[in-house]
PDB file of N, CA and C in Angstrom:
ATOM      1  N   UNK A   1      44.180  26.269 -58.724  1.00  0.00           N
ATOM      2  CA  UNK A   1      43.694  24.950 -58.235  1.00  0.00           C
ATOM      3  C   UNK A   1      43.340  24.647 -59.540  1.00  0.00           C
ATOM      4  N   UNK A   2      42.305  25.703 -60.202  1.00  0.00           N
ATOM      5  CA  UNK A   2      41.233  24.693 -61.211  1.00  0.00           C
ATOM      6  C   UNK A   2      41.976  24.804 -62.388  1.00  0.00           C
ATOM      7  N   UNK A   3      43.202  25.175 -62.558  1.00  0.00           N
ATOM      8  CA  UNK A   3      44.326  24.451 -63.399  1.00  0.00           C
ATOM      9  C   UNK A   3      44.561  23.724 -64.255  1.00  0.00           C
ATOM     10  N   UNK A   4      45.165  23.417 -62.437  1.00  0.00           N
ATOM     11  CA  UNK A   4      45.662  21.916 -62.234  1.00  0.00           C
ATOM     12  C   UNK A   4      44.443  20.631 -62.703  1.00  0.00           C
ATOM     13  N   UNK A   5      43.273  21.129 -62.128  1.00  0.00           N
ATOM     14  CA  UNK A   5      42.303  20.115 -62.590  1.00  0.00           C
ATOM     15  C   UNK A   5      42.112  19.888 -64.348  1.00  0.00           C
ATOM     16  N   UNK A   6      42.167  21.260 -64.708  1.00  0.00           N
ATOM     17  CA  UNK A   6      42.346  20.869 -65.670  1.00  0.00           C
ATOM     18  C   UNK A   6      42.891  20.419 -66.609  1.00  0.00           C
ATOM     19  N   UNK A   7      44.362  19.997 -66.121  1.00  0.00           N
ATOM     20  CA  UNK A   7      45.887  19.762 -67.026  1.00  0.00           C
ATOM     21  C   UNK A   7      45.430  18.573 -66.926  1.00  0.00           C
ATOM     22  N   UNK A   8      45.128  17.730 -65.764  1.00  0.00           N
ATOM     23  CA  UNK A   8      44.963  16.409 -65.499  1.00  0.00           C
ATOM     24  C   UNK A   8      44.869  14.896 -66.869  1.00  0.00           C
ATOM     25  N   UNK A   9      44.991  14.765 -66.853  1.00  0.00           N
ATOM     26  CA  UNK A   9      45.754  13.962 -68.561  1.00  0.00           C
ATOM     27  C   UNK A   9      43.683  13.309 -68.250  1.00  0.00           C
ATOM     28  N   UNK A  10      43.177  12.644 -67.520  1.00  0.00           N
ATOM     29  CA  UNK A  10      41.894  12.327 -67.715  1.00  0.00           C
ATOM     30  C   UNK A  10      40.634  12.506 -68.108  1.00  0.00           C
ATOM     31  N   UNK A  11      40.896  14.548 -68.122  1.00  0.00           N
ATOM     32  CA  UNK A  11      40.015  14.652 -68.748  1.00  0.00           C
ATOM     33  C   UNK A  11      40.686  15.969 -69.791  1.00  0.00           C
ATOM     34  N   UNK A  12      41.503  15.821 -70.026  1.00  0.00           N
ATOM     35  CA  UNK A  12      42.162  15.814 -71.488  1.00  0.00           C
ATOM     36  C   UNK A  12      41.526  14.853 -72.625  1.00  0.00           C
ATOM     37  N   UNK A  13      41.439  16.269 -73.787  1.00  0.00           N
ATOM     38  CA  UNK A  13      40.496  15.626 -75.478  1.00  0.00           C
ATOM     39  C   UNK A  13      41.935  14.572 -75.867  1.00  0.00           C
ATOM     40  N   UNK A  14      41.545  14.137 -76.306  1.00  0.00           N
ATOM     41  CA  UNK A  14      42.380  12.907 -77.447  1.00  0.00           C
ATOM     42  C   UNK A  14      42.639  12.638 -78.545  1.00  0.00           C
ATOM     43  N   UNK A  15      43.989  13.027 -78.889  1.00  0.00           N
ATOM     44  CA  UNK A  15      43.625  13.581 -80.844  1.00  0.00           C
ATOM     45  C   UNK A  15      43.422  12.297 -81.031  1.00  0.00           C
ATOM     46  N   UNK A  16      42.451  11.766 -81.679  1.00  0.00           N
ATOM     47  CA  UNK A  16      42.213  10.500 -82.347  1.00  0.00           C
ATOM     48  C   UNK A  16      43.183  10.498 -83.540  1.00  0.00           C
ATOM     49  N   UNK A  17      44.449  11.455 -84.232  1.00  0.00           N
ATOM     50  CA  UNK A  17      45.552  11.014 -85.051  1.00  0.00           C
ATOM     51  C   UNK A  17      46.757  10.279 -84.243  1.00  0.00           C
ATOM     52  N   UNK A  18      47.117  10.721 -83.406  1.00  0.00           N
ATOM     53  CA  UNK A  18      47.933   9.985 -82.721  1.00  0.00           C
ATOM     54  C   UNK A  18      47.972   9.488 -81.362  1.00  0.00           C
ATOM     55  N   UNK A  19      46.951   9.805 -80.369  1.00  0.00           N
ATOM     56  CA  UNK A  19      45.931   8.665 -79.371  1.00  0.00           C
ATOM     57  C   UNK A  19      46.858   9.227 -78.410  1.00  0.00           C
ATOM     58  N   UNK A  20      47.676  10.532 -78.517  1.00  0.00           N
ATOM     59  CA  UNK A  20      47.942  11.269 -76.748  1.00  0.00           C
ATOM     60  C   UNK A  20      46.981  12.106 -76.311  1.00  0.00           C
ATOM     61  N   UNK A  21      47.017  12.604 -75.232  1.00  0.00           N
ATOM     62  CA  UNK A  21      46.047  13.261 -74.389  1.00  0.00           C
ATOM     63  C   UNK A  21      46.722  14.584 -75.168  1.00  0.00           C
ATOM     64  N   UNK A  22      46.131  15.942 -75.347  1.00  0.00           N
ATOM     65  CA  UNK A  22      46.221  17.018 -75.650  1.00  0.00           C
ATOM     66  C   UNK A  22      45.708  18.140 -75.169  1.00  0.00           C
ATOM     67  N   UNK A  23      46.570  18.936 -74.679  1.00  0.00           N
ATOM     68  CA  UNK A  23      45.898  20.309 -73.952  1.00  0.00           C
ATOM     69  C   UNK A  23      45.766  20.793 -74.561  1.00  0.00           C
ATOM     70  N   UNK A  24      44.156  20.806 -74.811  1.00  0.00           N
ATOM     71  CA  UNK A  24      43.285  22.142 -75.388  1.00  0.00           C
ATOM     72  C   UNK A  24      42.205  22.401 -74.887  1.00  0.00           C
ATOM     73  N   UNK A  25      41.992  23.409 -74.708  1.00  0.00           N
ATOM     74  CA  UNK A  25      40.819  24.415 -73.677  1.00  0.00           C
ATOM     75  C   UNK A  25      39.244  24.421 -74.811  1.00  0.00           C
ATOM     76  N   UNK A  26      39.683  23.983 -75.925  1.00  0.00           N
ATOM     77  CA  UNK A  26      39.067  24.587 -77.074  1.00  0.00           C
ATOM     78  C   UNK A  26      38.408  23.144 -77.923  1.00  0.00           C
ATOM     79  N   UNK A  27      36.890  23.216 -78.579  1.00  0.00           N
ATOM     80  CA  UNK A  27      37.311  22.694 -79.726  1.00  0.00           C
ATOM     81  C   UNK A  27      38.179  23.088 -81.268  1.00  0.00           C
ATOM     82  N   UNK A  28      38.609  24.242 -81.045  1.00  0.00           N
ATOM     83  CA  UNK A  28      39.431  24.858 -82.206  1.00  0.00           C
ATOM     84  C   UNK A  28      40.451  24.723 -82.017  1.00  0.00           C
ATOM     85  N   UNK A  29      41.323  24.543 -81.365  1.00  0.00           N
ATOM     86  CA  UNK A  29      42.557  24.331 -80.658  1.00  0.00           C
ATOM     87  C   UNK A  29      42.703  22.934 -80.675  1.00  0.00           C
ATOM     88  N   UNK A  30      41.786  22.030 -80.219  1.00  0.00           N
ATOM     89  CA  UNK A  30      42.081  19.974 -80.861  1.00  0.00           C
ATOM     90  C   UNK A  30      42.049  20.250 -82.300  1.00  0.00           C
ATOM     91  N   UNK A  31      41.016  20.890 -83.344  1.00  0.00           N
ATOM     92  CA  UNK A  31      41.330  20.802 -84.411  1.00  0.00           C
ATOM     93  C   UNK A  31      42.845  20.909 -85.008  1.00  0.00           C
ATOM     94  N   UNK A  32      42.932  22.921 -84.708  1.00  0.00           N
ATOM     95  CA  UNK A  32      44.215  23.017 -85.030  1.00  0.00           C
ATOM     96  C   UNK A  32      45.397  21.760 -84.488  1.00  0.00           C
ATOM     97  N   UNK A  33      45.336  20.754 -83.849  1.00  0.00           N
ATOM     98  CA  UNK A  33      46.819  20.318 -83.299  1.00  0.00           C
ATOM     99  C   UNK A  33      46.542  19.011 -84.042  1.00  0.00           C
ATOM    100  N   UNK A  34      44.980  18.449 -84.372  1.00  0.00           N
ATOM    101  CA  UNK A  34      44.401  17.261 -84.993  1.00  0.00           C
ATOM    102  C   UNK A  34      45.103  17.356 -86.610  1.00  0.00           C
ATOM    103  N   UNK A  35      44.641  18.338 -87.150  1.00  0.00           N
ATOM    104  CA  UNK A  35      45.089  18.688 -88.156  1.00  0.00           C
ATOM    105  C   UNK A  35      46.751  18.609 -88.810  1.00  0.00           C
ATOM    106  N   UNK A  36      47.667  19.289 -87.454  1.00  0.00           N
ATOM    107  CA  UNK A  36      48.656  19.213 -87.593  1.00  0.00           C
ATOM    108  C   UNK A  36      49.583  17.872 -87.324  1.00  0.00           C
ATOM    109  N   UNK A  37      48.906  17.034 -86.625  1.00  0.00           N
ATOM    110  CA  UNK A  37      48.670  15.840 -86.641  1.00  0.00           C
ATOM    111  C   UNK A  37      48.628  14.933 -87.886  1.00  0.00           C
ATOM    112  N   UNK A  38      47.924  15.058 -88.237  1.00  0.00           N
ATOM    113  CA  UNK A  38      47.165  14.443 -89.607  1.00  0.00           C
ATOM    114  C   UNK A  38      47.873  14.740 -90.735  1.00  0.00           C
ATOM    115  N   UNK A  39      48.386  15.574 -90.988  1.00  0.00           N
ATOM    116  CA  UNK A  39      49.815  16.380 -92.069  1.00  0.00           C
ATOM    117  C   UNK A  39      50.909  15.532 -91.715  1.00  0.00           C
ATOM    118  N   UNK A  40      51.306  15.716 -90.431  1.00  0.00           N
ATOM    119  CA  UNK A  40      52.717  14.972 -90.025  1.00  0.00           C
ATOM    120  C   UNK A  40      52.540  13.434 -90.290  1.00  0.00           C
ATOM    121  N   UNK A  41      51.127  12.711 -89.955  1.00  0.00           N
ATOM    122  CA  UNK A  41      50.887  11.789 -90.333  1.00  0.00           C
ATOM    123  C   UNK A  41      51.145  11.143 -92.173  1.00  0.00           C
ATOM    124  N   UNK A  42      50.427  11.888 -93.008  1.00  0.00           N
ATOM    125  CA  UNK A  42      50.029  11.508 -93.861  1.00  0.00           C
ATOM    126  C   UNK A  42      50.917  11.620 -94.616  1.00  0.00           C
ATOM    127  N   UNK A  43      52.335  12.432 -94.154  1.00  0.00           N
ATOM    128  CA  UNK A  43      53.477  12.992 -94.619  1.00  0.00           C
ATOM    129  C   UNK A  43      54.554  11.905 -94.445  1.00  0.00           C
ATOM    130  N   UNK A  44      54.463  11.279 -93.827  1.00  0.00           N
ATOM    131  CA  UNK A  44      55.967  10.553 -93.314  1.00  0.00           C
ATOM    132  C   UNK A  44      55.004   8.869 -93.085  1.00  0.00           C
ATOM    133  N   UNK A  45      55.336   7.992 -94.404  1.00  0.00           N
ATOM    134  CA  UNK A  45      54.581   6.846 -93.566  1.00  0.00           C
ATOM    135  C   UNK A  45      55.023   5.755 -92.999  1.00  0.00           C
ATOM    136  N   UNK A  46      56.158   6.403 -92.120  1.00  0.00           N
ATOM    137  CA  UNK A  46      56.532   5.768 -91.111  1.00  0.00           C
ATOM    138  C   UNK A  46      55.941   5.719 -89.916  1.00  0.00           C
ATOM    139  N   UNK A  47      55.577   4.832 -89.028  1.00  0.00           N
ATOM    140  CA  UNK A  47      54.522   5.400 -87.856  1.00  0.00           C
ATOM    141  C   UNK A  47      55.150   4.985 -86.679  1.00  0.00           C
ATOM    142  N   UNK A  48      55.856   6.094 -85.810  1.00  0.00           N
ATOM    143  CA  UNK A  48      57.335   6.518 -84.882  1.00  0.00           C
ATOM    144  C   UNK A  48      56.546   6.726 -83.742  1.00  0.00           C
ATOM    145  N   UNK A  49      55.519   5.133 -82.928  1.00  0.00           N
ATOM    146  CA  UNK A  49      55.167   5.768 -81.433  1.00  0.00           C
ATOM    147  C   UNK A  49      56.063   5.785 -80.298  1.00  0.00           C
ATOM    148  N   UNK A  50      56.033   7.010 -79.655  1.00  0.00           N
ATOM    149  CA  UNK A  50      56.641   7.013 -78.737  1.00  0.00           C
ATOM    150  C   UNK A  50      55.901   7.009 -77.535  1.00  0.00           C
TER     151      UNK A  50
END
């Protein structure tokens, strides 16, 4: 039951780069995601939002 609550989109942290809700359970995991996102975003200048 707790897992489901944790994965509710409203409770997930939002990635500042891609502005999606990221299923991260710690700041470190979120930082890793943000890093990946940021690298991907700076690599391609085209902004393809899905």
